[in-house]
Amino acid sequence: MKLEEDKLIMQKWRFQNWHDGQYSTVCLTFEEPEIGVTIVKLTQTDVPEEDRFGNSTVVENT
């Protein structure tokens, strides 16, 4: 979805057992507050409440 060198990776992501066409958004941000130190933050949004089989543990499993 979006790529900023040394700063950001944003992509659509899914498990195979999610409904067809259903994706979450994964965002990885990278910060280097000082040389040799990198902070990576991962945020995932739009995780479905349940999978195609009716399992309601998708958020916990993800």
PDB file of N, CA and C in Angstrom:
ATOM      1  N   MET A   1       0.812  -1.193   0.000  1.00  0.00           N
ATOM      2  CA  MET A   1       0.000   0.000   0.000  1.00  0.00           C
ATOM      3  C   MET A   1       0.857   1.259   0.000  1.00  0.00           C
ATOM      4  N   LYS A   2       1.881   1.237   0.885  1.00  0.00           N
ATOM      5  CA  LYS A   2       2.718   2.428   0.995  1.00  0.00           C
ATOM      6  C   LYS A   2       4.103   2.014   1.479  1.00  0.00           C
ATOM      7  N   LEU A   3       5.106   2.651   0.937  1.00  0.00           N
ATOM      8  CA  LEU A   3       6.481   2.354   1.311  1.00  0.00           C
ATOM      9  C   LEU A   3       7.280   3.653   1.333  1.00  0.00           C
ATOM     10  N   GLU A   4       7.889   3.931   2.466  1.00  0.00           N
ATOM     11  CA  GLU A   4       8.765   5.092   2.603  1.00  0.00           C
ATOM     12  C   GLU A   4      10.093   4.565   3.136  1.00  0.00           C
ATOM     13  N   GLU A   5      11.115   4.668   2.316  1.00  0.00           N
ATOM     14  CA  GLU A   5      12.416   4.109   2.669  1.00  0.00           C
ATOM     15  C   GLU A   5      12.877   4.582   4.051  1.00  0.00           C
ATOM     16  N   ASP A   6      13.291   3.618   4.851  1.00  0.00           N
ATOM     17  CA  ASP A   6      13.798   3.854   6.215  1.00  0.00           C
ATOM     18  C   ASP A   6      12.756   4.398   7.189  1.00  0.00           C
ATOM     19  N   LYS A   7      11.462   4.428   6.786  1.00  0.00           N
ATOM     20  CA  LYS A   7      10.446   5.005   7.663  1.00  0.00           C
ATOM     21  C   LYS A   7       9.202   4.152   7.843  1.00  0.00           C
ATOM     22  N   LEU A   8       8.667   3.585   6.742  1.00  0.00           N
ATOM     23  CA  LEU A   8       7.324   3.013   6.812  1.00  0.00           C
ATOM     24  C   LEU A   8       7.118   1.897   5.798  1.00  0.00           C
ATOM     25  N   ILE A   9       6.455   0.840   6.247  1.00  0.00           N
ATOM     26  CA  ILE A   9       5.914  -0.195   5.364  1.00  0.00           C
ATOM     27  C   ILE A   9       4.456  -0.368   5.758  1.00  0.00           C
ATOM     28  N   MET A  10       3.554  -0.182   4.815  1.00  0.00           N
ATOM     29  CA  MET A  10       2.129  -0.387   5.076  1.00  0.00           C
ATOM     30  C   MET A  10       1.617  -1.372   4.025  1.00  0.00           C
ATOM     31  N   GLN A  11       0.967  -2.432   4.504  1.00  0.00           N
ATOM     32  CA  GLN A  11       0.490  -3.455   3.579  1.00  0.00           C
ATOM     33  C   GLN A  11      -0.818  -4.070   4.047  1.00  0.00           C
ATOM     34  N   LYS A  12      -1.525  -4.669   3.124  1.00  0.00           N
ATOM     35  CA  LYS A  12      -2.713  -5.462   3.446  1.00  0.00           C
ATOM     36  C   LYS A  12      -2.222  -6.848   3.828  1.00  0.00           C
ATOM     37  N   TRP A  13      -2.921  -7.486   4.774  1.00  0.00           N
ATOM     38  CA  TRP A  13      -2.484  -8.783   5.277  1.00  0.00           C
ATOM     39  C   TRP A  13      -3.697  -9.589   5.696  1.00  0.00           C
ATOM     40  N   ARG A  14      -3.603 -10.923   5.581  1.00  0.00           N
ATOM     41  CA  ARG A  14      -4.730 -11.768   5.987  1.00  0.00           C
ATOM     42  C   ARG A  14      -4.264 -13.183   6.276  1.00  0.00           C
ATOM     43  N   PHE A  15      -5.067 -13.867   7.092  1.00  0.00           N
ATOM     44  CA  PHE A  15      -4.940 -15.310   7.271  1.00  0.00           C
ATOM     45  C   PHE A  15      -5.781 -15.989   6.207  1.00  0.00           C
ATOM     46  N   GLN A  16      -5.420 -17.198   5.828  1.00  0.00           N
ATOM     47  CA  GLN A  16      -6.188 -17.943   4.818  1.00  0.00           C
ATOM     48  C   GLN A  16      -7.600 -18.269   5.295  1.00  0.00           C
ATOM     49  N   ASN A  17      -7.806 -18.371   6.605  1.00  0.00           N
ATOM     50  CA  ASN A  17      -9.133 -18.745   7.105  1.00  0.00           C
ATOM     51  C   ASN A  17     -10.063 -17.539   7.293  1.00  0.00           C
ATOM     52  N   TRP A  18      -9.609 -16.337   6.913  1.00  0.00           N
ATOM     53  CA  TRP A  18     -10.503 -15.177   6.922  1.00  0.00           C
ATOM     54  C   TRP A  18     -11.394 -15.253   5.692  1.00  0.00           C
ATOM     55  N   HIS A  19     -12.492 -14.524   5.719  1.00  0.00           N
ATOM     56  CA  HIS A  19     -13.391 -14.481   4.575  1.00  0.00           C
ATOM     57  C   HIS A  19     -12.640 -13.975   3.343  1.00  0.00           C
ATOM     58  N   ASP A  20     -12.995 -14.482   2.175  1.00  0.00           N
ATOM     59  CA  ASP A  20     -12.384 -14.030   0.927  1.00  0.00           C
ATOM     60  C   ASP A  20     -12.495 -12.512   0.811  1.00  0.00           C
ATOM     61  N   GLY A  21     -11.416 -11.882   0.422  1.00  0.00           N
ATOM     62  CA  GLY A  21     -11.407 -10.442   0.235  1.00  0.00           C
ATOM     63  C   GLY A  21     -11.287  -9.633   1.515  1.00  0.00           C
ATOM     64  N   GLN A  22     -11.173 -10.295   2.661  1.00  0.00           N
ATOM     65  CA  GLN A  22     -11.074  -9.583   3.938  1.00  0.00           C
ATOM     66  C   GLN A  22      -9.604  -9.474   4.345  1.00  0.00           C
ATOM     67  N   TYR A  23      -9.154  -8.246   4.522  1.00  0.00           N
ATOM     68  CA  TYR A  23      -7.755  -7.977   4.859  1.00  0.00           C
ATOM     69  C   TYR A  23      -7.680  -7.010   6.029  1.00  0.00           C
ATOM     70  N   SER A  24      -6.604  -7.128   6.792  1.00  0.00           N
ATOM     71  CA  SER A  24      -6.296  -6.120   7.789  1.00  0.00           C
ATOM     72  C   SER A  24      -5.201  -5.232   7.195  1.00  0.00           C
ATOM     73  N   THR A  25      -4.916  -4.145   7.872  1.00  0.00           N
ATOM     74  CA  THR A  25      -3.837  -3.266   7.450  1.00  0.00           C
ATOM     75  C   THR A  25      -2.729  -3.348   8.487  1.00  0.00           C
ATOM     76  N   VAL A  26      -1.526  -3.659   8.021  1.00  0.00           N
ATOM     77  CA  VAL A  26      -0.361  -3.743   8.898  1.00  0.00           C
ATOM     78  C   VAL A  26       0.553  -2.573   8.566  1.00  0.00           C
ATOM     79  N   CYS A  27       0.946  -1.860   9.604  1.00  0.00           N
ATOM     80  CA  CYS A  27       1.816  -0.705   9.432  1.00  0.00           C
ATOM     81  C   CYS A  27       3.051  -0.882  10.319  1.00  0.00           C
ATOM     82  N   LEU A  28       4.214  -0.885   9.701  1.00  0.00           N
ATOM     83  CA  LEU A  28       5.486  -0.942  10.413  1.00  0.00           C
ATOM     84  C   LEU A  28       6.167   0.408  10.253  1.00  0.00           C
ATOM     85  N   THR A  29       6.504   1.043  11.369  1.00  0.00           N
ATOM     86  CA  THR A  29       7.245   2.293  11.306  1.00  0.00           C
ATOM     87  C   THR A  29       8.614   2.085  11.943  1.00  0.00           C
ATOM     88  N   PHE A  30       9.590   2.788  11.412  1.00  0.00           N
ATOM     89  CA  PHE A  30      10.971   2.656  11.853  1.00  0.00           C
ATOM     90  C   PHE A  30      11.501   4.030  12.246  1.00  0.00           C
ATOM     91  N   GLU A  31      12.092   4.092  13.424  1.00  0.00           N
ATOM     92  CA  GLU A  31      12.706   5.328  13.907  1.00  0.00           C
ATOM     93  C   GLU A  31      14.121   5.001  14.369  1.00  0.00           C
ATOM     94  N   GLU A  32      15.028   5.913  14.124  1.00  0.00           N
ATOM     95  CA  GLU A  32      16.401   5.750  14.592  1.00  0.00           C
ATOM     96  C   GLU A  32      16.759   6.967  15.448  1.00  0.00           C
ATOM     97  N   PRO A  33      16.414   6.898  16.754  1.00  0.00           N
ATOM     98  CA  PRO A  33      16.660   8.056  17.626  1.00  0.00           C
ATOM     99  C   PRO A  33      18.149   8.368  17.799  1.00  0.00           C
ATOM    100  N   GLU A  34      18.983   7.341  17.618  1.00  0.00           N
ATOM    101  CA  GLU A  34      20.432   7.545  17.649  1.00  0.00           C
ATOM    102  C   GLU A  34      21.080   6.453  16.808  1.00  0.00           C
ATOM    103  N   ILE A  35      22.269   6.684  16.365  1.00  0.00           N
ATOM    104  CA  ILE A  35      22.963   5.721  15.511  1.00  0.00           C
ATOM    105  C   ILE A  35      23.077   4.381  16.233  1.00  0.00           C
ATOM    106  N   GLY A  36      22.666   3.328  15.539  1.00  0.00           N
ATOM    107  CA  GLY A  36      22.746   1.978  16.090  1.00  0.00           C
ATOM    108  C   GLY A  36      21.527   1.548  16.887  1.00  0.00           C
ATOM    109  N   VAL A  37      20.558   2.452  17.052  1.00  0.00           N
ATOM    110  CA  VAL A  37      19.337   2.123  17.788  1.00  0.00           C
ATOM    111  C   VAL A  37      18.148   2.329  16.845  1.00  0.00           C
ATOM    112  N   THR A  38      17.390   1.263  16.610  1.00  0.00           N
ATOM    113  CA  THR A  38      16.211   1.354  15.756  1.00  0.00           C
ATOM    114  C   THR A  38      14.991   0.921  16.543  1.00  0.00           C
ATOM    115  N   ILE A  39      13.945   1.720  16.480  1.00  0.00           N
ATOM    116  CA  ILE A  39      12.670   1.396  17.124  1.00  0.00           C
ATOM    117  C   ILE A  39      11.695   1.016  16.013  1.00  0.00           C
ATOM    118  N   VAL A  40      11.120  -0.178  16.144  1.00  0.00           N
ATOM    119  CA  VAL A  40      10.140  -0.663  15.177  1.00  0.00           C
ATOM    120  C   VAL A  40       8.791  -0.737  15.873  1.00  0.00           C
ATOM    121  N   LYS A  41       7.794  -0.095  15.290  1.00  0.00           N
ATOM    122  CA  LYS A  41       6.435  -0.144  15.835  1.00  0.00           C
ATOM    123  C   LYS A  41       5.541  -0.834  14.819  1.00  0.00           C
ATOM    124  N   LEU A  42       4.745  -1.794  15.290  1.00  0.00           N
ATOM    125  CA  LEU A  42       3.812  -2.523  14.441  1.00  0.00           C
ATOM    126  C   LEU A  42       2.398  -2.227  14.906  1.00  0.00           C
ATOM    127  N   THR A  43       1.565  -1.822  13.963  1.00  0.00           N
ATOM    128  CA  THR A  43       0.154  -1.582  14.236  1.00  0.00           C
ATOM    129  C   THR A  43      -0.658  -2.371  13.223  1.00  0.00           C
ATOM    130  N   GLN A  44      -1.666  -3.083  13.692  1.00  0.00           N
ATOM    131  CA  GLN A  44      -2.543  -3.836  12.793  1.00  0.00           C
ATOM    132  C   GLN A  44      -3.981  -3.448  13.089  1.00  0.00           C
ATOM    133  N   THR A  45      -4.695  -3.018  12.056  1.00  0.00           N
ATOM    134  CA  THR A  45      -6.080  -2.596  12.207  1.00  0.00           C
ATOM    135  C   THR A  45      -6.973  -3.403  11.277  1.00  0.00           C
ATOM    136  N   ASP A  46      -8.266  -3.304  11.514  1.00  0.00           N
ATOM    137  CA  ASP A  46      -9.282  -3.967  10.684  1.00  0.00           C
ATOM    138  C   ASP A  46      -9.228  -5.487  10.752  1.00  0.00           C
ATOM    139  N   VAL A  47      -8.814  -6.023  11.907  1.00  0.00           N
ATOM    140  CA  VAL A  47      -8.839  -7.475  12.109  1.00  0.00           C
ATOM    141  C   VAL A  47     -10.298  -7.873  12.318  1.00  0.00           C
ATOM    142  N   PRO A  48     -10.786  -8.876  11.575  1.00  0.00           N
ATOM    143  CA  PRO A  48     -12.200  -9.244  11.685  1.00  0.00           C
ATOM    144  C   PRO A  48     -12.543  -9.869  13.036  1.00  0.00           C
ATOM    145  N   GLU A  49     -13.811  -9.771  13.399  1.00  0.00           N
ATOM    146  CA  GLU A  49     -14.302 -10.354  14.653  1.00  0.00           C
ATOM    147  C   GLU A  49     -14.277 -11.882  14.628  1.00  0.00           C
ATOM    148  N   GLU A  50     -14.511 -12.447  13.446  1.00  0.00           N
ATOM    149  CA  GLU A  50     -14.500 -13.914  13.332  1.00  0.00           C
ATOM    150  C   GLU A  50     -14.022 -14.321  11.940  1.00  0.00           C
ATOM    151  N   ASP A  51     -13.599 -15.594  11.830  1.00  0.00           N
ATOM    152  CA  ASP A  51     -13.123 -16.091  10.543  1.00  0.00           C
ATOM    153  C   ASP A  51     -14.260 -16.744   9.756  1.00  0.00           C
ATOM    154  N   ARG A  52     -13.942 -17.303   8.614  1.00  0.00           N
ATOM    155  CA  ARG A  52     -14.959 -17.897   7.736  1.00  0.00           C
ATOM    156  C   ARG A  52     -15.665 -19.100   8.366  1.00  0.00           C
ATOM    157  N   PHE A  53     -15.082 -19.652   9.434  1.00  0.00           N
ATOM    158  CA  PHE A  53     -15.670 -20.815  10.100  1.00  0.00           C
ATOM    159  C   PHE A  53     -16.461 -20.425  11.349  1.00  0.00           C
ATOM    160  N   GLY A  54     -16.572 -19.131  11.604  1.00  0.00           N
ATOM    161  CA  GLY A  54     -17.337 -18.654  12.751  1.00  0.00           C
ATOM    162  C   GLY A  54     -16.552 -18.608  14.048  1.00  0.00           C
ATOM    163  N   ASN A  55     -15.242 -18.854  13.985  1.00  0.00           N
ATOM    164  CA  ASN A  55     -14.417 -18.777  15.190  1.00  0.00           C
ATOM    165  C   ASN A  55     -14.260 -17.319  15.602  1.00  0.00           C
ATOM    166  N   SER A  56     -14.534 -17.035  16.848  1.00  0.00           N
ATOM    167  CA  SER A  56     -14.485 -15.655  17.332  1.00  0.00           C
ATOM    168  C   SER A  56     -13.189 -15.334  18.069  1.00  0.00           C
ATOM    169  N   THR A  57     -12.132 -16.086  17.794  1.00  0.00           N
ATOM    170  CA  THR A  57     -10.846 -15.863  18.457  1.00  0.00           C
ATOM    171  C   THR A  57      -9.822 -15.224  17.519  1.00  0.00           C
ATOM    172  N   VAL A  58     -10.292 -14.640  16.428  1.00  0.00           N
ATOM    173  CA  VAL A  58      -9.375 -14.101  15.425  1.00  0.00           C
ATOM    174  C   VAL A  58      -8.483 -13.004  16.006  1.00  0.00           C
ATOM    175  N   VAL A  59      -9.047 -12.069  16.743  1.00  0.00           N
ATOM    176  CA  VAL A  59      -8.250 -10.976  17.292  1.00  0.00           C
ATOM    177  C   VAL A  59      -7.185 -11.529  18.233  1.00  0.00           C
ATOM    178  N   GLU A  60      -7.557 -12.431  19.124  1.00  0.00           N
ATOM    179  CA  GLU A  60      -6.600 -13.008  20.065  1.00  0.00           C
ATOM    180  C   GLU A  60      -5.514 -13.792  19.332  1.00  0.00           C
ATOM    181  N   ASN A  61      -5.888 -14.540  18.305  1.00  0.00           N
ATOM    182  CA  ASN A  61      -4.920 -15.354  17.565  1.00  0.00           C
ATOM    183  C   ASN A  61      -4.008 -14.514  16.683  1.00  0.00           C
ATOM    184  N   THR A  62      -4.514 -13.372  16.251  1.00  0.00           N
ATOM    185  CA  THR A  62      -3.723 -12.522  15.368  1.00  0.00           C
ATOM    186  C   THR A  62      -2.706 -11.743  16.163  1.00  0.00           C
TER     187      THR A  62
END
